[in-house]
Amino acid sequence: MDSDGKLFPDPQSRPHLGSALFASSSGLLFGYDLGLVQGAIHSIKESLELSNTMIDLIVAAAKVGAVFGPFLAGWLMSKMGRRFGMVSGAFFFFIGPIVMAMSQESAGGLDMLLGRFLVGLGIGQCSVVVPAYLGETTPASCRGFVVELYEVSLVFGMILSSAVDYALSGLKNDWRWMVGVPTIPGFLLMIGPWFLPESPRWLVMKSREKEALEVLHKIRHAPGEVVGDRSTAEVENELLEIWSDVKRLEASEGEVTGRSGSSSRPGQQVITRRPSQLATGVLAGGAGEEPSGAPLEDNAEDGPGRQEKVGILAKGRAWYKELFYGPEKNAVRTALGLAVFNQFSGSTAVTNYAVEVLREIGLEDNKKGILLSSGISFAKLIGIVASMFLVDGVCGRRPLLIGGGLGMSACMVLLTVGIEVKSIPLVITAESLYMLSFAVSWAGIFWVLMSEIFSMRVKAVAVSLATSVLFAGGAVANILYHVLLKKGGPLFGLFFALVSLSSAAYVYVFVPETKGKSLKEVQMMFQNLGPRGLLGPRALEPQEGQRLIGDGAAKSSNSI
């Protein structure tokens, strides 16, 4: 923000706000689903006469669907584009609530289970597609601000669901209206992406450089218009950077899966030129312009090689070896550990079963329970806003994660005490403080670390794997949370308190501070970690090893 109060004083640094705001709105539906369950689940159970076991499965079904969503999203994003990925995710947000709202008692909850699973597919897809789209269509100077819009819209979705549940509670078949409301925004989100610009990175990946140039010119607000394929130098240079990144990524992925060469479709001419020649050919008009849409090769001397076909099983084995035995195995281990602790601490279960906890200690009024539990969503909003200022400021990632884990652990102990003494104010206070601790630390920092610790060589696959583990952990944690709650006794809260405490210990041992480090420095830090993490000896960097060898040789020569 400049002295005049402008957030984006440079016109070319402004994001395409229409695209950013609309794409981020999918987070609203994700958040709505998170908050929906707490107000509707009791009415669903009574109306459909479902058992506690079926209720647990219904709540967990969305997370199970979200496990598969990232992998479906990755395939759709690559083949059909980022916009189609958002449309596909919105379709599940549209069809899932319809299936749930039409659930019948005779189905025994299976139709509700299916509807929740479909919504989960939408959640999993949008959690991957939307941040990718925002990151690829937003200038670097404001990328963090725009990507945070997704998390902020998620929290507003939780608040909105509490308000809708409260307004509808008490009506005949209130739960059908509660679960059916997302159909409307789901439909709008399914139509809207077709009016957004496609990701310029995906267009370059598909050798559609001219279209990518036009999109960049539009979303960067560069002066003038694209005339005769000519554009401003700033936009043209950005396109060249994207082209170079895409080629490097294709080369690194080829190394992992064992592919060699490149392919060209029948009838296409192969353009053999370096990135520095791209602007004067494909982008700049004039005589001798090559056919649009032709694939590009980095070096003319390499010639048009053939791409070796690699089967799915072979790719899977290659990626398994790369992720768990390659140079970035420590980063993968850290990411999976963070994903498990993120959900097994009870973060989503606290929201899903907030009203149910109040009913367990004697509150019969469902509408009052919804109102009291809405404080959890407001606490999460405060925590996320605070995290936006702290994560790159005075605290950094590591202290916030450790402090958040300790705070969550203490709040779970407090929640256990509140349940045992049947104190509604103490329970609401404990749950709100728990969510505040989670939101200021683990809620957002997990995604920050996912964007930092992996190289482009493995990032797409590693983040998809970690995201799926995150949602799988959430499904198991939701079931476990409700089962322990129904059994009663202090074991309920103490188990999750121990998990939260263990999460702080895990970060202390395996997660170094990454604040202020370049991406290359962060990735080297993780590569140099030993089996005991930060507590054990770290591997020497090549420069350090050469220096020690040189020092040893000098000492030996002096002693002779």
Protein backbone atom coordinates (compact mmCIF):
# COMPACT_ATOMS: atom_id res chain seq x y z
CA MET A 1 0.00 0.00 0.00
CA ASP A 2 1.42 3.37 -1.01
CA SER A 3 1.15 6.81 0.66
CA ASP A 4 -2.14 7.47 -1.14
CA GLY A 5 -3.69 4.36 0.38
CA LYS A 6 -3.63 2.33 -2.84
CA LEU A 7 -3.08 -1.38 -2.37
CA PHE A 8 -1.76 -1.83 -5.94
CA PRO A 9 -0.28 1.53 -7.01
CA ASP A 10 1.35 0.08 -10.12
CA PRO A 11 -1.40 -0.82 -12.66
CA GLN A 12 0.60 -3.82 -13.90
CA SER A 13 0.93 -5.20 -10.36
CA ARG A 14 -2.84 -5.36 -9.90
CA PRO A 15 -4.38 -8.81 -10.03
CA HIS A 16 -7.30 -9.40 -12.34
CA LEU A 17 -9.68 -8.87 -9.43
CA GLY A 18 -12.74 -10.28 -11.18
CA SER A 19 -10.96 -13.57 -11.79
CA ALA A 20 -9.40 -13.62 -8.31
CA LEU A 21 -12.62 -12.94 -6.45
CA PHE A 22 -14.72 -15.37 -8.48
CA ALA A 23 -12.18 -18.20 -8.31
CA SER A 24 -11.78 -17.67 -4.56
CA SER A 25 -15.53 -18.01 -4.09
CA SER A 26 -15.18 -21.79 -4.32
CA GLY A 27 -13.61 -21.55 -0.87
CA LEU A 28 -16.97 -20.21 0.30
CA LEU A 29 -18.62 -23.53 -0.63
CA PHE A 30 -15.83 -25.49 1.06
CA GLY A 31 -16.29 -23.47 4.23
CA TYR A 32 -20.06 -23.75 4.03
CA ASP A 33 -19.79 -27.54 3.98
CA LEU A 34 -17.45 -27.48 7.00
CA GLY A 35 -19.95 -25.43 9.01
CA LEU A 36 -23.07 -27.06 7.60
CA VAL A 37 -22.76 -30.36 9.43
CA GLN A 38 -22.86 -28.93 12.93
CA GLY A 39 -26.37 -27.49 12.48
CA ALA A 40 -27.94 -30.12 10.26
CA ILE A 41 -26.58 -33.43 11.52
CA HIS A 42 -28.98 -33.83 14.45
CA SER A 43 -32.05 -33.18 12.28
CA ILE A 44 -30.73 -35.57 9.63
CA LYS A 45 -30.23 -38.29 12.22
CA GLU A 46 -33.76 -37.95 13.61
CA SER A 47 -35.54 -37.52 10.27
CA LEU A 48 -33.86 -40.46 8.53
CA GLU A 49 -33.58 -42.53 11.73
CA LEU A 50 -29.87 -43.16 11.33
CA SER A 51 -27.46 -44.82 13.74
CA ASN A 52 -24.41 -43.12 15.21
CA THR A 53 -22.22 -45.25 12.98
CA MET A 54 -23.98 -44.06 9.82
CA ILE A 55 -23.77 -40.45 11.02
CA ASP A 56 -20.02 -40.87 11.50
CA LEU A 57 -19.69 -42.25 7.98
CA ILE A 58 -21.78 -39.43 6.51
CA VAL A 59 -19.66 -36.76 8.19
CA ALA A 60 -16.45 -38.49 7.09
CA ALA A 61 -17.67 -39.13 3.53
CA ALA A 62 -16.83 -35.60 2.37
CA LYS A 63 -13.23 -36.06 3.48
CA VAL A 64 -13.07 -39.45 1.78
CA GLY A 65 -14.23 -37.86 -1.47
CA ALA A 66 -11.68 -35.10 -0.99
CA VAL A 67 -8.92 -37.74 -0.88
CA PHE A 68 -9.54 -38.55 -4.55
CA GLY A 69 -10.34 -35.00 -5.62
CA PRO A 70 -6.72 -33.76 -5.92
CA PHE A 71 -5.73 -36.60 -8.25
CA LEU A 72 -8.79 -36.05 -10.44
CA ALA A 73 -8.02 -32.33 -10.42
CA GLY A 74 -4.42 -32.89 -11.46
CA TRP A 75 -5.47 -34.94 -14.49
CA LEU A 76 -8.20 -32.49 -15.53
CA MET A 77 -5.95 -29.46 -15.04
CA SER A 78 -3.31 -30.97 -17.28
CA LYS A 79 -5.61 -32.25 -20.02
CA MET A 80 -8.47 -29.75 -20.09
CA GLY A 81 -7.16 -26.62 -18.40
CA ARG A 82 -7.57 -24.80 -15.09
CA ARG A 83 -11.01 -23.41 -15.97
CA PHE A 84 -12.40 -26.86 -16.74
CA GLY A 85 -10.95 -28.09 -13.44
CA MET A 86 -12.93 -25.40 -11.60
CA VAL A 87 -16.09 -26.25 -13.57
CA SER A 88 -15.72 -29.93 -12.71
CA GLY A 89 -15.27 -29.16 -9.01
CA ALA A 90 -18.31 -26.85 -9.08
CA PHE A 91 -20.37 -29.61 -10.71
CA PHE A 92 -19.86 -31.78 -7.64
CA PHE A 93 -20.78 -28.82 -5.41
CA PHE A 94 -23.98 -28.56 -7.48
CA ILE A 95 -25.02 -32.21 -7.77
CA GLY A 96 -23.94 -33.32 -4.28
CA PRO A 97 -26.38 -31.07 -2.35
CA ILE A 98 -29.23 -32.15 -4.66
CA VAL A 99 -28.58 -35.81 -3.83
CA MET A 100 -28.42 -35.01 -0.10
CA ALA A 101 -31.59 -32.88 -0.11
CA MET A 102 -33.53 -35.71 -1.82
CA SER A 103 -32.39 -38.38 0.65
CA GLN A 104 -35.09 -40.82 1.78
CA GLU A 105 -35.47 -42.81 4.98
CA SER A 106 -35.79 -46.05 2.99
CA ALA A 107 -32.22 -45.69 1.70
CA GLY A 108 -30.82 -45.97 5.20
CA GLY A 109 -28.51 -43.00 4.73
CA LEU A 110 -26.72 -44.35 1.65
CA ASP A 111 -28.01 -41.52 -0.56
CA MET A 112 -26.83 -38.95 1.99
CA LEU A 113 -23.49 -40.76 2.06
CA LEU A 114 -23.22 -40.52 -1.74
CA GLY A 115 -24.11 -36.82 -1.73
CA ARG A 116 -21.45 -36.05 0.85
CA PHE A 117 -18.88 -38.05 -1.13
CA LEU A 118 -19.67 -36.04 -4.28
CA VAL A 119 -19.29 -32.77 -2.37
CA GLY A 120 -15.95 -34.09 -1.11
CA LEU A 121 -14.78 -34.62 -4.69
CA GLY A 122 -15.55 -30.96 -5.32
CA ILE A 123 -13.68 -29.91 -2.18
CA GLY A 124 -10.61 -31.93 -3.13
CA GLN A 125 -10.59 -30.62 -6.69
CA CYS A 126 -11.03 -26.96 -5.80
CA SER A 127 -8.40 -27.14 -3.06
CA VAL A 128 -5.86 -27.88 -5.81
CA VAL A 129 -7.25 -26.10 -8.89
CA VAL A 130 -8.15 -22.73 -7.38
CA PRO A 131 -4.80 -21.97 -5.67
CA ALA A 132 -3.03 -23.08 -8.85
CA TYR A 133 -5.20 -20.84 -11.03
CA LEU A 134 -4.78 -17.86 -8.70
CA GLY A 135 -1.02 -18.37 -8.52
CA GLU A 136 -0.70 -18.58 -12.32
CA THR A 137 -2.86 -15.55 -13.12
CA THR A 138 -1.64 -13.18 -10.39
CA PRO A 139 1.50 -11.01 -10.43
CA ALA A 140 4.20 -12.10 -7.97
CA SER A 141 3.98 -8.77 -6.13
CA CYS A 142 0.46 -9.53 -4.86
CA ARG A 143 0.25 -13.32 -5.21
CA GLY A 144 0.27 -13.99 -1.46
CA PHE A 145 -2.58 -11.53 -0.90
CA VAL A 146 -4.73 -13.03 -3.64
CA VAL A 147 -4.11 -16.69 -2.71
CA GLU A 148 -5.10 -15.83 0.89
CA LEU A 149 -8.51 -14.80 -0.47
CA TYR A 150 -9.32 -18.51 -0.84
CA GLU A 151 -8.70 -19.19 2.87
CA VAL A 152 -10.59 -16.04 3.90
CA SER A 153 -13.58 -16.98 1.72
CA LEU A 154 -13.51 -20.44 3.33
CA VAL A 155 -13.97 -18.90 6.77
CA PHE A 156 -16.75 -16.65 5.53
CA GLY A 157 -18.40 -19.81 4.18
CA MET A 158 -18.31 -21.29 7.69
CA ILE A 159 -19.87 -18.13 9.13
CA LEU A 160 -22.51 -18.10 6.39
CA SER A 161 -23.44 -21.72 7.04
CA SER A 162 -23.96 -20.96 10.74
CA ALA A 163 -26.23 -18.04 9.83
CA VAL A 164 -28.22 -20.12 7.32
CA ASP A 165 -28.53 -23.06 9.72
CA TYR A 166 -29.75 -20.72 12.45
CA ALA A 167 -32.31 -19.05 10.16
CA LEU A 168 -33.68 -22.35 8.86
CA SER A 169 -33.59 -24.32 12.10
CA GLY A 170 -37.09 -25.19 13.31
CA LEU A 171 -38.71 -25.23 9.88
CA LYS A 172 -40.29 -28.42 8.56
CA ASN A 173 -37.56 -30.55 6.97
CA ASP A 174 -35.09 -27.80 7.86
CA TRP A 175 -32.12 -30.05 7.14
CA ARG A 176 -33.16 -30.47 3.48
CA TRP A 177 -32.99 -26.70 3.01
CA MET A 178 -29.69 -26.53 4.88
CA VAL A 179 -27.96 -29.10 2.70
CA GLY A 180 -29.66 -27.88 -0.51
CA VAL A 181 -28.72 -24.18 -0.33
CA PRO A 182 -25.20 -24.71 -1.84
CA THR A 183 -26.87 -25.83 -5.09
CA ILE A 184 -27.38 -22.19 -6.10
CA PRO A 185 -23.79 -20.93 -5.70
CA GLY A 186 -22.59 -24.29 -7.01
CA PHE A 187 -24.48 -23.69 -10.27
CA LEU A 188 -23.09 -20.14 -10.59
CA LEU A 189 -19.57 -21.41 -9.95
CA MET A 190 -20.08 -24.07 -12.62
CA ILE A 191 -20.99 -21.46 -15.25
CA GLY A 192 -18.70 -18.62 -14.23
CA PRO A 193 -15.23 -20.05 -15.05
CA TRP A 194 -16.05 -20.02 -18.78
CA PHE A 195 -16.06 -16.22 -18.58
CA LEU A 196 -12.63 -16.12 -16.90
CA PRO A 197 -9.32 -16.06 -18.79
CA GLU A 198 -7.49 -19.37 -19.01
CA SER A 199 -4.20 -19.78 -17.18
CA PRO A 200 -1.38 -18.50 -19.44
CA ARG A 201 0.89 -21.24 -18.08
CA TRP A 202 -1.49 -23.97 -19.25
CA LEU A 203 -1.80 -22.30 -22.65
CA VAL A 204 1.99 -22.33 -23.00
CA MET A 205 2.04 -26.00 -21.98
CA LYS A 206 -0.32 -26.66 -24.88
CA SER A 207 1.85 -24.60 -27.29
CA ARG A 208 -0.78 -21.85 -27.57
CA GLU A 209 1.61 -18.94 -27.05
CA LYS A 210 -0.45 -16.37 -28.95
CA GLU A 211 -3.47 -16.97 -26.70
CA ALA A 212 -1.22 -16.89 -23.62
CA LEU A 213 0.10 -13.49 -24.72
CA GLU A 214 -3.42 -12.11 -25.08
CA VAL A 215 -4.41 -13.43 -21.64
CA LEU A 216 -1.31 -11.97 -19.99
CA HIS A 217 -1.97 -8.62 -21.64
CA LYS A 218 -5.52 -8.66 -20.27
CA ILE A 219 -4.83 -9.73 -16.70
CA ARG A 220 -1.70 -7.58 -16.26
CA HIS A 221 -3.45 -4.39 -17.38
CA ALA A 222 -0.55 -3.51 -19.67
CA PRO A 223 -1.00 -0.30 -21.69
CA GLY A 224 -2.14 -0.56 -25.31
CA GLU A 225 -3.60 -3.54 -27.13
CA VAL A 226 -2.26 -6.66 -28.77
CA VAL A 227 -1.98 -5.72 -32.44
CA GLY A 228 -0.43 -8.03 -35.00
CA ASP A 229 0.87 -10.31 -32.20
CA ARG A 230 2.98 -7.46 -30.81
CA SER A 231 2.82 -6.53 -27.14
CA THR A 232 4.62 -4.59 -24.44
CA ALA A 233 8.06 -5.75 -23.37
CA GLU A 234 6.95 -6.50 -19.78
CA VAL A 235 4.20 -8.91 -20.81
CA GLU A 236 6.39 -10.47 -23.49
CA ASN A 237 9.20 -11.08 -21.00
CA GLU A 238 6.78 -12.73 -18.57
CA LEU A 239 5.62 -15.06 -21.32
CA LEU A 240 9.24 -16.00 -22.03
CA GLU A 241 9.76 -16.77 -18.33
CA ILE A 242 6.68 -18.99 -18.29
CA TRP A 243 7.88 -20.76 -21.44
CA SER A 244 11.28 -21.43 -19.85
CA ASP A 245 9.71 -22.72 -16.63
CA VAL A 246 7.42 -25.06 -18.54
CA LYS A 247 10.33 -26.50 -20.53
CA ARG A 248 12.41 -27.05 -17.38
CA LEU A 249 9.47 -28.75 -15.67
CA GLU A 250 8.83 -31.04 -18.65
CA ALA A 251 12.51 -32.02 -18.66
CA SER A 252 12.59 -32.79 -14.93
CA GLU A 253 9.37 -34.83 -15.06
CA GLY A 254 10.81 -36.75 -18.01
CA GLU A 255 13.83 -37.65 -15.89
CA VAL A 256 11.61 -39.04 -13.13
CA THR A 257 9.35 -41.16 -15.33
CA GLY A 258 12.06 -42.24 -17.75
CA ARG A 259 10.75 -40.41 -20.81
CA SER A 260 13.16 -39.12 -23.40
CA GLY A 261 12.83 -36.75 -26.29
CA SER A 262 9.67 -34.95 -27.19
CA SER A 263 6.74 -35.63 -29.39
CA SER A 264 4.96 -33.83 -32.16
CA ARG A 265 1.51 -34.56 -33.43
CA PRO A 266 1.07 -35.62 -37.03
CA GLY A 267 0.92 -32.70 -39.42
CA GLN A 268 2.71 -30.30 -37.08
CA GLN A 269 5.96 -28.58 -37.78
CA VAL A 270 8.52 -28.66 -34.97
CA ILE A 271 10.01 -25.26 -34.14
CA THR A 272 13.55 -25.61 -32.86
CA ARG A 273 14.51 -22.42 -31.07
CA ARG A 274 15.69 -21.16 -27.73
CA PRO A 275 13.57 -19.01 -25.37
CA SER A 276 15.42 -15.87 -26.44
CA GLN A 277 14.19 -16.43 -29.99
CA LEU A 278 10.57 -16.97 -28.98
CA ALA A 279 9.57 -13.30 -28.82
CA THR A 280 10.87 -12.55 -32.28
CA GLY A 281 9.04 -15.50 -33.85
CA VAL A 282 5.91 -16.87 -32.29
CA LEU A 283 5.07 -13.57 -30.55
CA ALA A 284 6.20 -11.02 -33.08
CA GLY A 285 4.25 -11.08 -36.33
CA GLY A 286 5.70 -10.82 -39.77
CA ALA A 287 6.94 -12.94 -42.62
CA GLY A 288 8.17 -16.40 -41.92
CA GLU A 289 5.94 -16.89 -38.88
CA GLU A 290 5.61 -20.54 -37.97
CA PRO A 291 2.21 -22.23 -37.70
CA SER A 292 0.38 -21.37 -34.48
CA GLY A 293 0.12 -24.17 -31.96
CA ALA A 294 3.26 -26.03 -33.04
CA PRO A 295 5.32 -27.60 -30.26
CA LEU A 296 8.65 -26.01 -29.37
CA GLU A 297 12.04 -27.58 -28.88
CA ASP A 298 14.82 -26.09 -26.78
CA ASN A 299 17.64 -26.80 -29.19
CA ALA A 300 17.70 -27.22 -32.92
CA GLU A 301 20.55 -29.71 -32.72
CA ASP A 302 18.46 -32.15 -30.72
CA GLY A 303 15.98 -32.65 -33.55
CA PRO A 304 12.45 -33.93 -33.20
CA GLY A 305 12.87 -36.92 -30.97
CA ARG A 306 10.33 -39.51 -30.03
CA GLN A 307 8.64 -39.63 -26.64
CA GLU A 308 8.77 -43.00 -24.98
CA LYS A 309 5.43 -44.17 -23.68
CA VAL A 310 5.48 -45.02 -20.01
CA GLY A 311 2.74 -47.14 -18.45
CA ILE A 312 0.80 -46.10 -15.38
CA LEU A 313 2.39 -48.74 -13.16
CA ALA A 314 5.88 -47.80 -14.32
CA LYS A 315 5.13 -44.13 -13.64
CA GLY A 316 3.82 -45.02 -10.19
CA ARG A 317 6.97 -46.97 -9.32
CA ALA A 318 9.17 -44.18 -10.63
CA TRP A 319 7.37 -41.53 -8.59
CA TYR A 320 7.39 -43.72 -5.46
CA LYS A 321 11.14 -44.12 -5.75
CA GLU A 322 11.63 -40.41 -6.42
CA LEU A 323 9.45 -39.25 -3.53
CA PHE A 324 10.56 -41.65 -0.81
CA TYR A 325 14.16 -42.43 -1.81
CA GLY A 326 15.14 -39.40 -3.87
CA PRO A 327 16.89 -36.20 -2.79
CA GLU A 328 13.61 -34.69 -1.53
CA LYS A 329 12.56 -37.60 0.68
CA ASN A 330 12.96 -35.46 3.83
CA ALA A 331 10.60 -32.81 2.46
CA VAL A 332 8.04 -35.50 1.55
CA ARG A 333 8.30 -37.06 5.01
CA THR A 334 7.82 -33.66 6.63
CA ALA A 335 4.83 -32.80 4.44
CA LEU A 336 3.05 -36.09 5.16
CA GLY A 337 3.70 -35.73 8.89
CA LEU A 338 2.32 -32.20 8.89
CA ALA A 339 -0.75 -33.37 6.94
CA VAL A 340 -1.50 -36.11 9.48
CA PHE A 341 -1.08 -33.87 12.53
CA ASN A 342 -3.07 -31.08 10.87
CA GLN A 343 -6.22 -33.20 10.89
CA PHE A 344 -5.63 -35.72 13.68
CA SER A 345 -5.48 -32.84 16.13
CA GLY A 346 -9.27 -32.62 15.63
CA SER A 347 -9.35 -29.36 13.68
CA THR A 348 -12.39 -30.08 11.48
CA ALA A 349 -14.06 -32.40 13.97
CA VAL A 350 -14.32 -29.55 16.49
CA THR A 351 -16.39 -27.60 13.95
CA ASN A 352 -18.45 -30.54 12.68
CA TYR A 353 -19.49 -31.77 16.13
CA ALA A 354 -19.69 -28.47 18.03
CA VAL A 355 -23.48 -28.61 18.42
CA GLU A 356 -23.34 -32.33 19.18
CA VAL A 357 -20.93 -31.67 22.06
CA LEU A 358 -23.37 -29.13 23.51
CA ARG A 359 -26.19 -31.67 23.27
CA GLU A 360 -24.05 -34.20 25.12
CA ILE A 361 -23.79 -31.85 28.11
CA GLY A 362 -27.49 -31.04 28.22
CA LEU A 363 -28.34 -28.32 25.65
CA GLU A 364 -31.51 -29.51 23.88
CA ASP A 365 -32.25 -26.37 21.83
CA ASN A 366 -30.60 -27.03 18.43
CA LYS A 367 -31.06 -23.43 17.29
CA LYS A 368 -29.33 -22.07 20.38
CA GLY A 369 -26.54 -24.59 19.88
CA ILE A 370 -25.97 -23.31 16.32
CA LEU A 371 -25.82 -19.72 17.58
CA LEU A 372 -23.35 -20.51 20.35
CA SER A 373 -21.14 -22.58 18.05
CA SER A 374 -20.88 -19.77 15.50
CA GLY A 375 -18.21 -18.25 17.72
CA ILE A 376 -15.85 -20.98 16.51
CA SER A 377 -16.01 -19.63 12.94
CA PHE A 378 -15.38 -16.06 14.08
CA ALA A 379 -12.39 -17.27 16.11
CA LYS A 380 -10.98 -18.92 12.99
CA LEU A 381 -11.41 -15.69 11.02
CA ILE A 382 -9.47 -13.73 13.65
CA GLY A 383 -6.73 -16.36 13.68
CA ILE A 384 -6.29 -16.39 9.90
CA VAL A 385 -6.10 -12.59 9.69
CA ALA A 386 -3.51 -12.57 12.48
CA SER A 387 -1.52 -15.31 10.74
CA MET A 388 -1.33 -13.25 7.54
CA PHE A 389 0.64 -10.60 9.43
CA LEU A 390 2.69 -12.92 11.67
CA VAL A 391 3.87 -15.65 9.31
CA ASP A 392 6.24 -13.38 7.37
CA GLY A 393 6.74 -10.92 10.23
CA VAL A 394 7.97 -11.25 13.80
CA CYS A 395 7.12 -14.93 14.30
CA GLY A 396 7.80 -17.00 11.20
CA ARG A 397 6.55 -20.52 10.46
CA ARG A 398 8.22 -22.70 13.08
CA PRO A 399 7.33 -20.71 16.26
CA LEU A 400 3.71 -20.36 15.15
CA LEU A 401 3.37 -24.10 14.47
CA ILE A 402 4.93 -25.04 17.81
CA GLY A 403 2.93 -22.45 19.73
CA GLY A 404 -0.25 -23.44 17.90
CA GLY A 405 0.26 -27.11 18.78
CA LEU A 406 0.81 -26.29 22.45
CA GLY A 407 -2.22 -23.99 22.50
CA MET A 408 -4.43 -26.59 20.84
CA SER A 409 -3.29 -29.20 23.36
CA ALA A 410 -4.12 -26.95 26.31
CA CYS A 411 -7.53 -26.12 24.83
CA MET A 412 -8.36 -29.80 24.39
CA VAL A 413 -7.63 -30.36 28.08
CA LEU A 414 -9.87 -27.41 28.88
CA LEU A 415 -12.59 -28.85 26.62
CA THR A 416 -12.37 -32.17 28.46
CA VAL A 417 -12.85 -30.40 31.78
CA GLY A 418 -15.81 -28.45 30.37
CA ILE A 419 -17.51 -31.64 29.19
CA GLU A 420 -16.87 -33.42 32.49
CA VAL A 421 -18.37 -30.59 34.57
CA LYS A 422 -21.07 -29.94 31.91
CA SER A 423 -20.25 -26.25 31.60
CA ILE A 424 -21.55 -24.77 28.33
CA PRO A 425 -19.56 -21.49 28.65
CA LEU A 426 -16.34 -23.44 29.32
CA VAL A 427 -16.94 -25.74 26.34
CA ILE A 428 -17.61 -22.83 23.94
CA THR A 429 -14.57 -20.96 25.25
CA ALA A 430 -12.32 -24.01 24.87
CA GLU A 431 -13.54 -24.75 21.33
CA SER A 432 -13.16 -21.11 20.23
CA LEU A 433 -9.66 -20.78 21.70
CA TYR A 434 -8.73 -24.09 20.10
CA MET A 435 -9.85 -22.84 16.69
CA LEU A 436 -8.02 -19.56 17.22
CA SER A 437 -4.80 -21.49 17.98
CA PHE A 438 -5.29 -23.69 14.93
CA ALA A 439 -6.16 -20.84 12.56
CA VAL A 440 -3.20 -18.68 13.51
CA SER A 441 -0.80 -21.57 12.92
CA TRP A 442 -1.61 -24.88 11.25
CA ALA A 443 -4.57 -23.78 9.11
CA GLY A 444 -2.56 -21.55 6.76
CA ILE A 445 1.09 -22.34 7.43
CA PHE A 446 0.65 -25.91 6.20
CA TRP A 447 -0.11 -24.54 2.73
CA VAL A 448 2.70 -22.00 2.96
CA LEU A 449 5.20 -24.80 3.61
CA MET A 450 3.73 -26.89 0.79
CA SER A 451 4.59 -24.04 -1.57
CA GLU A 452 8.17 -23.75 -0.29
CA ILE A 453 9.73 -27.10 0.49
CA PHE A 454 9.43 -28.88 -2.88
CA SER A 455 11.27 -28.19 -6.10
CA MET A 456 9.26 -27.94 -9.31
CA ARG A 457 10.55 -31.42 -10.17
CA VAL A 458 8.22 -33.13 -7.67
CA LYS A 459 5.96 -30.35 -6.43
CA ALA A 460 2.74 -31.23 -8.25
CA VAL A 461 2.79 -34.91 -7.27
CA ALA A 462 4.09 -34.33 -3.73
CA VAL A 463 1.51 -31.65 -2.90
CA SER A 464 -1.32 -33.79 -4.32
CA LEU A 465 -0.17 -36.71 -2.17
CA ALA A 466 0.09 -34.55 0.96
CA THR A 467 -3.35 -33.03 0.30
CA SER A 468 -4.91 -36.48 -0.06
CA VAL A 469 -3.28 -37.63 3.18
CA LEU A 470 -4.62 -34.47 4.82
CA PHE A 471 -8.20 -35.27 3.85
CA ALA A 472 -7.83 -38.98 4.66
CA GLY A 473 -6.59 -38.05 8.13
CA GLY A 474 -9.57 -35.74 8.51
CA ALA A 475 -12.00 -38.55 7.68
CA VAL A 476 -10.49 -40.88 10.29
CA ALA A 477 -10.23 -38.09 12.89
CA ASN A 478 -13.90 -37.14 12.45
CA ILE A 479 -15.04 -40.70 13.11
CA LEU A 480 -12.68 -41.13 16.05
CA TYR A 481 -13.74 -37.79 17.57
CA HIS A 482 -17.43 -38.73 17.59
CA VAL A 483 -16.84 -42.28 18.81
CA LEU A 484 -14.78 -41.08 21.79
CA LEU A 485 -17.32 -38.34 22.49
CA LYS A 486 -20.15 -40.89 22.69
CA LYS A 487 -18.13 -43.20 24.93
CA GLY A 488 -17.64 -40.37 27.38
CA GLY A 489 -14.89 -39.90 29.93
CA PRO A 490 -11.67 -37.88 29.78
CA LEU A 491 -10.14 -40.06 27.05
CA PHE A 492 -12.03 -38.01 24.43
CA GLY A 493 -10.20 -34.74 24.86
CA LEU A 494 -6.96 -36.12 26.25
CA PHE A 495 -6.30 -38.18 23.12
CA PHE A 496 -6.51 -35.12 20.88
CA ALA A 497 -4.55 -33.08 23.42
CA LEU A 498 -1.74 -35.63 23.15
CA VAL A 499 -1.86 -35.52 19.34
CA SER A 500 -1.64 -31.71 19.39
CA LEU A 501 1.28 -31.86 21.81
CA SER A 502 2.99 -34.40 19.55
CA SER A 503 2.48 -32.07 16.58
CA ALA A 504 4.48 -29.36 18.36
CA ALA A 505 7.25 -31.89 19.10
CA TYR A 506 7.25 -33.04 15.46
CA VAL A 507 7.74 -29.49 14.24
CA TYR A 508 10.51 -28.92 16.81
CA VAL A 509 12.42 -31.93 15.48
CA PHE A 510 11.71 -31.98 11.73
CA VAL A 511 10.65 -28.52 10.55
CA PRO A 512 13.36 -25.84 10.21
CA GLU A 513 12.45 -22.15 9.97
CA THR A 514 11.92 -21.06 6.37
CA LYS A 515 11.01 -17.40 6.86
CA GLY A 516 13.14 -15.07 4.76
CA LYS A 517 14.81 -17.94 2.88
CA SER A 518 14.84 -18.33 -0.88
CA LEU A 519 13.09 -21.40 -2.26
CA LYS A 520 16.45 -22.92 -3.15
CA GLU A 521 17.74 -22.36 0.39
CA VAL A 522 14.60 -23.91 1.89
CA GLN A 523 14.86 -26.99 -0.30
CA MET A 524 18.56 -27.43 0.53
CA MET A 525 17.74 -27.18 4.26
CA PHE A 526 15.40 -30.13 4.00
CA GLN A 527 17.78 -32.14 1.82
CA ASN A 528 20.50 -31.72 4.44
CA LEU A 529 18.37 -32.98 7.35
CA GLY A 530 19.51 -36.25 8.88
CA PRO A 531 17.29 -39.10 10.17
CA ARG A 532 16.99 -37.33 13.54
CA GLY A 533 15.96 -34.08 11.95
CA LEU A 534 17.22 -30.89 13.57
CA LEU A 535 18.42 -32.81 16.63
CA GLY A 536 20.99 -34.88 14.77
CA PRO A 537 23.98 -34.09 12.56
CA ARG A 538 23.04 -32.70 9.19
CA ALA A 539 24.51 -33.68 5.86
CA LEU A 540 27.27 -31.41 4.58
CA GLU A 541 26.61 -29.22 1.60
CA PRO A 542 29.09 -29.70 -1.29
CA GLN A 543 30.80 -26.36 -0.61
CA GLU A 544 31.28 -27.23 3.06
CA GLY A 545 32.69 -30.64 2.20
CA GLN A 546 35.19 -29.14 -0.25
CA ARG A 547 36.22 -26.54 2.33
CA LEU A 548 36.82 -29.20 5.01
CA ILE A 549 38.82 -31.34 2.59
CA GLY A 550 40.90 -28.32 1.69
CA ASP A 551 41.51 -27.47 5.35
CA GLY A 552 42.51 -31.05 6.09
CA ALA A 553 44.93 -31.13 3.20
CA ALA A 554 46.49 -27.84 4.33
CA LYS A 555 46.99 -29.14 7.87
CA SER A 556 48.58 -32.34 6.57
CA SER A 557 51.03 -30.41 4.40
CA ASN A 558 51.96 -28.16 7.32
CA SER A 559 52.66 -31.10 9.61
CA ILE A 560 55.08 -32.72 7.16
